[in-house]
Amino acid sequence: MRFRQLRRLAVIALCLQADPNSQGPVNMKLKLLVVFASIFTILTGAMVVSSMATQNKGAENIEINGGQRGNVPFPHHQHQARIGDCKICHSVFPQKSGSIAELKAEGTLKKKYVMNTLCTKCHKEKKKAGQKSGPTTCTKCHIKPK
C-alpha cells in the first residue's frame, strides 16, 4: 500500500465518522484500520528499501567475449541505471558470470544474438528516438587485442 492509498483511506475513514468525538465501535474499527494500514505501509517500505540496498547488482564493468573481433567492454551498472529493468537482458541469459559463454557453448544461445539482437538493436532504437545511445557498429564495441 502506498502513501497516497493510505491518505485516501484516512480521508475515507474521517468522512465516514458521524461524530469525530464518538468512540463507537465503527469509529474504533476505522481508527484501528488506519493504524494497522500505517504500520503495514511503513514496514513494507522499509523492506523494499532494505532489499534494494542489498540487491546484488553484479560487476560494475564486464568484459564479454566477442570472438574474433575482440572482447566487448560492457558498462553494466551504467546500463542498469539507464534501462532500469534487468529482465530486458536477463530474460535471455541468467544473472550469472559467464552465462553467455555457457549458453553459446551448449548451443542454446546463437553466437551473435546478444550483441546483434539485444545490444545493437536497443542502441539503434534509442538513437532513432533522438536519445543518447551506445555504439551501433561492430568496430565501436569490439576491441581487438594488440
N, C-alpha and C. Protein backbone atom coordinates (compact mmCIF):
# COMPACT_ATOMS: atom_id res chain seq x y z
N MET A 1 0.85 -1.17 0.00
CA MET A 1 0.00 0.00 0.00
C MET A 1 0.90 1.23 0.00
N ARG A 2 0.67 2.15 -0.87
CA ARG A 2 1.47 3.35 -0.99
C ARG A 2 0.90 4.44 -0.07
N PHE A 3 1.68 5.51 0.09
CA PHE A 3 1.26 6.60 0.97
C PHE A 3 -0.01 7.29 0.46
N ARG A 4 -0.16 7.41 -0.85
CA ARG A 4 -1.39 8.02 -1.39
C ARG A 4 -2.61 7.19 -1.03
N GLN A 5 -2.46 5.86 -1.13
CA GLN A 5 -3.56 4.99 -0.77
C GLN A 5 -3.87 5.12 0.71
N LEU A 6 -2.84 5.24 1.52
CA LEU A 6 -3.04 5.40 2.95
C LEU A 6 -3.76 6.70 3.25
N ARG A 7 -3.37 7.77 2.56
CA ARG A 7 -4.05 9.05 2.73
C ARG A 7 -5.52 8.95 2.38
N ARG A 8 -5.80 8.30 1.23
CA ARG A 8 -7.20 8.13 0.82
C ARG A 8 -7.98 7.36 1.87
N LEU A 9 -7.37 6.32 2.40
CA LEU A 9 -8.03 5.52 3.42
C LEU A 9 -8.33 6.37 4.65
N ALA A 10 -7.39 7.20 5.05
CA ALA A 10 -7.60 8.08 6.20
C ALA A 10 -8.72 9.08 5.94
N VAL A 11 -8.76 9.64 4.73
CA VAL A 11 -9.82 10.60 4.37
C VAL A 11 -11.17 9.90 4.38
N ILE A 12 -11.23 8.71 3.82
CA ILE A 12 -12.48 7.96 3.80
C ILE A 12 -12.93 7.67 5.23
N ALA A 13 -11.97 7.28 6.07
CA ALA A 13 -12.30 6.98 7.46
C ALA A 13 -12.86 8.22 8.15
N LEU A 14 -12.27 9.37 7.90
CA LEU A 14 -12.76 10.61 8.51
C LEU A 14 -14.14 10.98 7.99
N CYS A 15 -14.37 10.77 6.70
CA CYS A 15 -15.67 11.10 6.11
C CYS A 15 -16.77 10.20 6.65
N LEU A 16 -16.44 8.96 6.96
CA LEU A 16 -17.44 8.01 7.44
C LEU A 16 -17.83 8.25 8.90
N GLN A 17 -17.03 9.01 9.60
CA GLN A 17 -17.34 9.26 11.00
C GLN A 17 -18.49 10.24 11.12
N ALA A 18 -19.51 9.82 11.86
CA ALA A 18 -20.67 10.70 12.08
C ALA A 18 -20.31 11.78 13.09
N ASP A 19 -19.62 11.40 14.13
CA ASP A 19 -19.23 12.32 15.18
C ASP A 19 -17.76 12.05 15.51
N PRO A 20 -16.86 13.01 15.20
CA PRO A 20 -15.44 12.75 15.42
C PRO A 20 -15.08 12.47 16.89
N ASN A 21 -15.90 12.90 17.83
CA ASN A 21 -15.63 12.67 19.24
C ASN A 21 -16.20 11.35 19.73
N SER A 22 -16.97 10.70 18.88
CA SER A 22 -17.60 9.45 19.26
C SER A 22 -16.56 8.34 19.35
N GLN A 23 -16.75 7.46 20.30
CA GLN A 23 -15.87 6.31 20.45
C GLN A 23 -16.63 5.03 20.16
N GLY A 24 -17.64 5.11 19.28
CA GLY A 24 -18.47 3.95 18.93
C GLY A 24 -17.65 2.88 18.25
N PRO A 25 -18.22 1.68 18.10
CA PRO A 25 -17.48 0.55 17.53
C PRO A 25 -17.04 0.78 16.08
N VAL A 26 -17.83 1.49 15.28
CA VAL A 26 -17.46 1.74 13.88
C VAL A 26 -16.25 2.66 13.82
N ASN A 27 -16.28 3.74 14.60
CA ASN A 27 -15.15 4.67 14.60
C ASN A 27 -13.88 4.01 15.13
N MET A 28 -13.99 3.17 16.11
CA MET A 28 -12.81 2.48 16.65
C MET A 28 -12.23 1.53 15.61
N LYS A 29 -13.11 0.83 14.90
CA LYS A 29 -12.64 -0.08 13.86
C LYS A 29 -11.91 0.69 12.76
N LEU A 30 -12.45 1.83 12.37
CA LEU A 30 -11.81 2.63 11.33
C LEU A 30 -10.47 3.16 11.80
N LYS A 31 -10.40 3.61 13.04
CA LYS A 31 -9.14 4.11 13.58
C LYS A 31 -8.10 2.99 13.63
N LEU A 32 -8.53 1.81 14.08
CA LEU A 32 -7.61 0.67 14.11
C LEU A 32 -7.15 0.30 12.71
N LEU A 33 -8.06 0.36 11.75
CA LEU A 33 -7.71 0.05 10.36
C LEU A 33 -6.65 1.03 9.85
N VAL A 34 -6.83 2.30 10.14
CA VAL A 34 -5.86 3.32 9.71
C VAL A 34 -4.50 3.07 10.39
N VAL A 35 -4.51 2.75 11.66
CA VAL A 35 -3.25 2.49 12.38
C VAL A 35 -2.55 1.28 11.78
N PHE A 36 -3.28 0.18 11.58
CA PHE A 36 -2.66 -1.02 11.01
C PHE A 36 -2.18 -0.78 9.58
N ALA A 37 -2.94 -0.02 8.80
CA ALA A 37 -2.52 0.30 7.43
C ALA A 37 -1.24 1.13 7.46
N SER A 38 -1.14 2.04 8.41
CA SER A 38 0.08 2.86 8.53
C SER A 38 1.28 1.99 8.89
N ILE A 39 1.11 1.11 9.85
CA ILE A 39 2.21 0.22 10.26
C ILE A 39 2.62 -0.66 9.09
N PHE A 40 1.64 -1.22 8.38
CA PHE A 40 1.92 -2.08 7.22
C PHE A 40 2.71 -1.32 6.16
N THR A 41 2.30 -0.09 5.88
CA THR A 41 2.97 0.72 4.86
C THR A 41 4.42 1.01 5.25
N ILE A 42 4.63 1.35 6.48
CA ILE A 42 5.98 1.66 6.96
C ILE A 42 6.87 0.42 6.88
N LEU A 43 6.36 -0.72 7.33
CA LEU A 43 7.14 -1.96 7.29
C LEU A 43 7.43 -2.40 5.86
N THR A 44 6.44 -2.29 4.98
CA THR A 44 6.64 -2.66 3.58
C THR A 44 7.69 -1.77 2.93
N GLY A 45 7.59 -0.48 3.17
CA GLY A 45 8.57 0.47 2.63
C GLY A 45 9.98 0.16 3.11
N ALA A 46 10.10 -0.17 4.39
CA ALA A 46 11.42 -0.50 4.95
C ALA A 46 11.98 -1.76 4.31
N MET A 47 11.12 -2.74 4.07
CA MET A 47 11.58 -3.99 3.43
C MET A 47 12.04 -3.73 2.00
N VAL A 48 11.30 -2.89 1.27
CA VAL A 48 11.68 -2.59 -0.12
C VAL A 48 13.01 -1.88 -0.16
N VAL A 49 13.19 -0.88 0.68
CA VAL A 49 14.44 -0.13 0.72
C VAL A 49 15.59 -1.06 1.12
N SER A 50 15.34 -1.92 2.09
CA SER A 50 16.37 -2.87 2.54
C SER A 50 16.75 -3.82 1.42
N SER A 51 15.79 -4.34 0.68
CA SER A 51 16.11 -5.29 -0.39
C SER A 51 16.83 -4.59 -1.53
N MET A 52 16.51 -3.34 -1.80
CA MET A 52 17.20 -2.60 -2.85
C MET A 52 18.66 -2.38 -2.47
N ALA A 53 18.91 -2.11 -1.20
CA ALA A 53 20.27 -1.83 -0.76
C ALA A 53 21.14 -3.09 -0.79
N THR A 54 20.54 -4.25 -0.55
CA THR A 54 21.32 -5.48 -0.50
C THR A 54 21.29 -6.26 -1.81
N GLN A 55 20.56 -5.78 -2.81
CA GLN A 55 20.46 -6.49 -4.08
C GLN A 55 21.83 -6.57 -4.76
N ASN A 56 22.16 -7.75 -5.25
CA ASN A 56 23.42 -7.95 -5.94
C ASN A 56 23.28 -7.39 -7.35
N LYS A 57 24.00 -6.33 -7.63
CA LYS A 57 23.91 -5.70 -8.94
C LYS A 57 24.98 -6.20 -9.90
N GLY A 58 25.78 -7.14 -9.47
CA GLY A 58 26.82 -7.66 -10.33
C GLY A 58 27.99 -6.70 -10.43
N ALA A 59 28.90 -7.04 -11.33
CA ALA A 59 30.09 -6.23 -11.52
C ALA A 59 29.75 -4.89 -12.15
N GLU A 60 30.53 -3.87 -11.82
CA GLU A 60 30.31 -2.54 -12.41
C GLU A 60 30.58 -2.58 -13.91
N ASN A 61 31.66 -3.22 -14.29
CA ASN A 61 32.04 -3.35 -15.70
C ASN A 61 32.32 -4.82 -15.98
N ILE A 62 31.87 -5.26 -17.14
CA ILE A 62 32.04 -6.66 -17.54
C ILE A 62 32.69 -6.67 -18.91
N GLU A 63 33.56 -7.64 -19.14
CA GLU A 63 34.15 -7.80 -20.46
C GLU A 63 33.56 -9.06 -21.08
N ILE A 64 32.86 -8.89 -22.19
CA ILE A 64 32.19 -10.00 -22.86
C ILE A 64 33.07 -10.50 -23.99
N ASN A 65 33.21 -11.82 -24.08
CA ASN A 65 34.00 -12.42 -25.15
C ASN A 65 33.30 -12.14 -26.48
N GLY A 66 33.97 -11.40 -27.32
CA GLY A 66 33.40 -11.01 -28.62
C GLY A 66 33.95 -11.80 -29.78
N GLY A 67 34.56 -12.92 -29.51
CA GLY A 67 35.07 -13.78 -30.58
C GLY A 67 36.27 -13.18 -31.30
N GLN A 68 36.35 -13.41 -32.61
CA GLN A 68 37.50 -12.97 -33.41
C GLN A 68 37.59 -11.45 -33.51
N ARG A 69 36.50 -10.78 -33.38
CA ARG A 69 36.51 -9.31 -33.48
C ARG A 69 37.10 -8.64 -32.25
N GLY A 70 37.22 -9.39 -31.17
CA GLY A 70 37.77 -8.83 -29.93
C GLY A 70 36.70 -8.72 -28.85
N ASN A 71 37.15 -8.60 -27.62
CA ASN A 71 36.22 -8.51 -26.49
C ASN A 71 35.45 -7.20 -26.49
N VAL A 72 34.32 -7.23 -25.78
CA VAL A 72 33.45 -6.06 -25.70
C VAL A 72 33.37 -5.60 -24.25
N PRO A 73 33.89 -4.39 -23.95
CA PRO A 73 33.72 -3.87 -22.59
C PRO A 73 32.25 -3.45 -22.40
N PHE A 74 31.67 -3.87 -21.30
CA PHE A 74 30.25 -3.60 -21.06
C PHE A 74 30.08 -2.89 -19.73
N PRO A 75 29.69 -1.62 -19.75
CA PRO A 75 29.47 -0.88 -18.50
C PRO A 75 28.13 -1.30 -17.87
N HIS A 76 28.18 -2.34 -17.07
CA HIS A 76 27.00 -3.00 -16.52
C HIS A 76 26.14 -2.06 -15.67
N HIS A 77 26.74 -1.40 -14.69
CA HIS A 77 25.96 -0.51 -13.81
C HIS A 77 25.37 0.67 -14.59
N GLN A 78 26.09 1.15 -15.58
CA GLN A 78 25.57 2.24 -16.41
C GLN A 78 24.30 1.79 -17.14
N HIS A 79 24.30 0.57 -17.67
CA HIS A 79 23.12 0.04 -18.34
C HIS A 79 21.98 -0.18 -17.35
N GLN A 80 22.29 -0.65 -16.16
CA GLN A 80 21.25 -0.84 -15.14
C GLN A 80 20.56 0.49 -14.83
N ALA A 81 21.35 1.55 -14.70
CA ALA A 81 20.79 2.86 -14.38
C ALA A 81 19.91 3.40 -15.51
N ARG A 82 20.34 3.18 -16.75
CA ARG A 82 19.59 3.73 -17.90
C ARG A 82 18.37 2.90 -18.26
N ILE A 83 18.50 1.57 -18.20
CA ILE A 83 17.40 0.70 -18.63
C ILE A 83 16.42 0.47 -17.49
N GLY A 84 16.95 0.17 -16.32
CA GLY A 84 16.09 0.01 -15.15
C GLY A 84 15.48 -1.37 -14.98
N ASP A 85 15.25 -2.10 -16.05
CA ASP A 85 14.62 -3.42 -15.98
C ASP A 85 15.63 -4.49 -16.38
N CYS A 86 16.13 -5.21 -15.40
CA CYS A 86 17.15 -6.24 -15.65
C CYS A 86 16.66 -7.34 -16.58
N LYS A 87 15.34 -7.56 -16.59
CA LYS A 87 14.78 -8.66 -17.38
C LYS A 87 14.89 -8.42 -18.89
N ILE A 88 15.13 -7.20 -19.30
CA ILE A 88 15.29 -6.94 -20.73
C ILE A 88 16.43 -7.78 -21.27
N CYS A 89 17.52 -7.87 -20.53
CA CYS A 89 18.65 -8.72 -20.95
C CYS A 89 18.59 -10.09 -20.29
N HIS A 90 18.30 -10.10 -19.00
CA HIS A 90 18.40 -11.34 -18.25
C HIS A 90 17.21 -12.28 -18.43
N SER A 91 16.31 -11.96 -19.33
CA SER A 91 15.30 -12.94 -19.72
C SER A 91 15.92 -13.88 -20.75
N VAL A 92 17.01 -13.45 -21.37
CA VAL A 92 17.70 -14.25 -22.39
C VAL A 92 18.80 -15.10 -21.75
N PHE A 93 19.49 -14.56 -20.76
CA PHE A 93 20.55 -15.30 -20.07
C PHE A 93 20.50 -14.95 -18.59
N PRO A 94 20.87 -15.92 -17.73
CA PRO A 94 20.76 -15.69 -16.28
C PRO A 94 21.78 -14.69 -15.76
N GLN A 95 21.48 -14.17 -14.57
CA GLN A 95 22.37 -13.22 -13.90
C GLN A 95 23.49 -14.00 -13.21
N LYS A 96 24.40 -14.50 -14.03
CA LYS A 96 25.50 -15.31 -13.52
C LYS A 96 26.71 -15.05 -14.39
N SER A 97 27.83 -14.85 -13.77
CA SER A 97 29.05 -14.61 -14.51
C SER A 97 29.34 -15.77 -15.45
N GLY A 98 29.62 -15.46 -16.71
CA GLY A 98 29.96 -16.47 -17.70
C GLY A 98 28.76 -17.16 -18.34
N SER A 99 27.56 -16.71 -18.01
CA SER A 99 26.36 -17.39 -18.53
C SER A 99 26.22 -17.29 -20.05
N ILE A 100 26.62 -16.18 -20.64
CA ILE A 100 26.52 -16.04 -22.10
C ILE A 100 27.41 -17.07 -22.78
N ALA A 101 28.65 -17.18 -22.32
CA ALA A 101 29.59 -18.15 -22.90
C ALA A 101 29.08 -19.58 -22.71
N GLU A 102 28.52 -19.88 -21.53
CA GLU A 102 27.99 -21.22 -21.28
C GLU A 102 26.85 -21.55 -22.23
N LEU A 103 25.91 -20.63 -22.39
CA LEU A 103 24.76 -20.88 -23.27
C LEU A 103 25.19 -21.03 -24.72
N LYS A 104 26.18 -20.25 -25.14
CA LYS A 104 26.70 -20.39 -26.51
C LYS A 104 27.35 -21.76 -26.69
N ALA A 105 28.12 -22.19 -25.70
CA ALA A 105 28.79 -23.49 -25.78
C ALA A 105 27.78 -24.64 -25.82
N GLU A 106 26.68 -24.48 -25.10
CA GLU A 106 25.62 -25.51 -25.09
C GLU A 106 24.81 -25.49 -26.38
N GLY A 107 24.90 -24.38 -27.12
CA GLY A 107 24.12 -24.25 -28.35
C GLY A 107 22.71 -23.72 -28.13
N THR A 108 22.42 -23.25 -26.92
CA THR A 108 21.08 -22.72 -26.65
C THR A 108 20.98 -21.21 -26.90
N LEU A 109 22.11 -20.59 -27.19
CA LEU A 109 22.13 -19.16 -27.50
C LEU A 109 22.98 -18.97 -28.75
N LYS A 110 22.39 -18.36 -29.77
CA LYS A 110 23.14 -18.13 -31.01
C LYS A 110 24.31 -17.20 -30.74
N LYS A 111 25.39 -17.40 -31.47
CA LYS A 111 26.64 -16.68 -31.20
C LYS A 111 26.51 -15.16 -31.20
N LYS A 112 25.80 -14.59 -32.13
CA LYS A 112 25.73 -13.13 -32.21
C LYS A 112 24.39 -12.57 -31.71
N TYR A 113 23.58 -13.40 -31.09
CA TYR A 113 22.25 -12.97 -30.67
C TYR A 113 22.30 -11.82 -29.67
N VAL A 114 23.12 -11.95 -28.64
CA VAL A 114 23.16 -10.91 -27.60
C VAL A 114 23.59 -9.58 -28.19
N MET A 115 24.68 -9.58 -28.94
CA MET A 115 25.19 -8.31 -29.50
C MET A 115 24.24 -7.73 -30.55
N ASN A 116 23.82 -8.56 -31.50
CA ASN A 116 23.02 -8.05 -32.62
C ASN A 116 21.57 -7.80 -32.26
N THR A 117 20.98 -8.67 -31.48
CA THR A 117 19.55 -8.53 -31.19
C THR A 117 19.29 -7.67 -29.96
N LEU A 118 20.07 -7.85 -28.92
CA LEU A 118 19.83 -7.05 -27.72
C LEU A 118 20.55 -5.70 -27.77
N CYS A 119 21.86 -5.74 -27.83
CA CYS A 119 22.66 -4.51 -27.71
C CYS A 119 22.45 -3.55 -28.88
N THR A 120 22.83 -3.98 -30.05
CA THR A 120 22.81 -3.10 -31.22
C THR A 120 21.40 -2.63 -31.52
N LYS A 121 20.43 -3.52 -31.42
CA LYS A 121 19.04 -3.15 -31.69
C LYS A 121 18.57 -2.05 -30.73
N CYS A 122 18.86 -2.22 -29.45
CA CYS A 122 18.46 -1.23 -28.45
C CYS A 122 19.16 0.11 -28.71
N HIS A 123 20.46 0.06 -28.99
CA HIS A 123 21.22 1.29 -29.26
C HIS A 123 20.64 2.02 -30.48
N LYS A 124 20.31 1.29 -31.53
CA LYS A 124 19.75 1.91 -32.74
C LYS A 124 18.38 2.52 -32.47
N GLU A 125 17.56 1.83 -31.69
CA GLU A 125 16.24 2.36 -31.35
C GLU A 125 16.36 3.66 -30.56
N LYS A 126 17.28 3.69 -29.60
CA LYS A 126 17.50 4.90 -28.80
C LYS A 126 17.98 6.05 -29.69
N LYS A 127 18.92 5.73 -30.58
CA LYS A 127 19.47 6.75 -31.48
C LYS A 127 18.37 7.30 -32.39
N LYS A 128 17.54 6.41 -32.93
CA LYS A 128 16.45 6.82 -33.81
C LYS A 128 15.44 7.72 -33.08
N ALA A 129 15.25 7.44 -31.79
CA ALA A 129 14.31 8.23 -30.99
C ALA A 129 14.93 9.55 -30.52
N GLY A 130 16.21 9.79 -30.89
CA GLY A 130 16.87 11.03 -30.52
C GLY A 130 17.42 11.01 -29.10
N GLN A 131 17.53 9.82 -28.52
CA GLN A 131 18.06 9.69 -27.17
C GLN A 131 19.54 9.32 -27.22
N LYS A 132 20.21 9.55 -26.11
CA LYS A 132 21.61 9.16 -26.02
C LYS A 132 21.69 7.64 -26.12
N SER A 133 22.61 7.16 -26.94
CA SER A 133 22.70 5.71 -27.13
C SER A 133 24.15 5.27 -27.15
N GLY A 134 24.31 3.97 -27.10
CA GLY A 134 25.64 3.39 -27.20
C GLY A 134 26.01 3.19 -28.65
N PRO A 135 27.15 2.57 -28.89
CA PRO A 135 27.63 2.34 -30.25
C PRO A 135 26.66 1.48 -31.06
N THR A 136 26.63 1.72 -32.37
CA THR A 136 25.71 0.98 -33.23
C THR A 136 26.44 0.16 -34.30
N THR A 137 27.75 0.18 -34.29
CA THR A 137 28.52 -0.63 -35.24
C THR A 137 29.48 -1.54 -34.49
N CYS A 138 29.83 -2.64 -35.13
CA CYS A 138 30.69 -3.66 -34.50
C CYS A 138 32.02 -3.08 -34.01
N THR A 139 32.67 -2.29 -34.86
CA THR A 139 34.02 -1.81 -34.54
C THR A 139 34.05 -0.82 -33.38
N LYS A 140 32.91 -0.26 -33.03
CA LYS A 140 32.88 0.69 -31.91
C LYS A 140 32.82 -0.03 -30.55
N CYS A 141 32.39 -1.29 -30.57
CA CYS A 141 32.29 -2.06 -29.33
C CYS A 141 33.45 -3.03 -29.15
N HIS A 142 33.72 -3.79 -30.20
CA HIS A 142 34.75 -4.83 -30.12
C HIS A 142 36.14 -4.20 -30.10
N ILE A 143 36.97 -4.66 -29.18
CA ILE A 143 38.34 -4.16 -29.08
C ILE A 143 39.29 -5.33 -29.37
N LYS A 144 39.96 -5.24 -30.51
CA LYS A 144 40.90 -6.31 -30.88
C LYS A 144 42.15 -6.19 -30.03
N PRO A 145 42.66 -7.34 -29.58
CA PRO A 145 43.91 -7.29 -28.81
C PRO A 145 45.06 -6.85 -29.72
N LYS A 146 46.00 -6.11 -29.16
CA LYS A 146 47.11 -5.58 -29.95
C LYS A 146 48.25 -6.55 -30.03
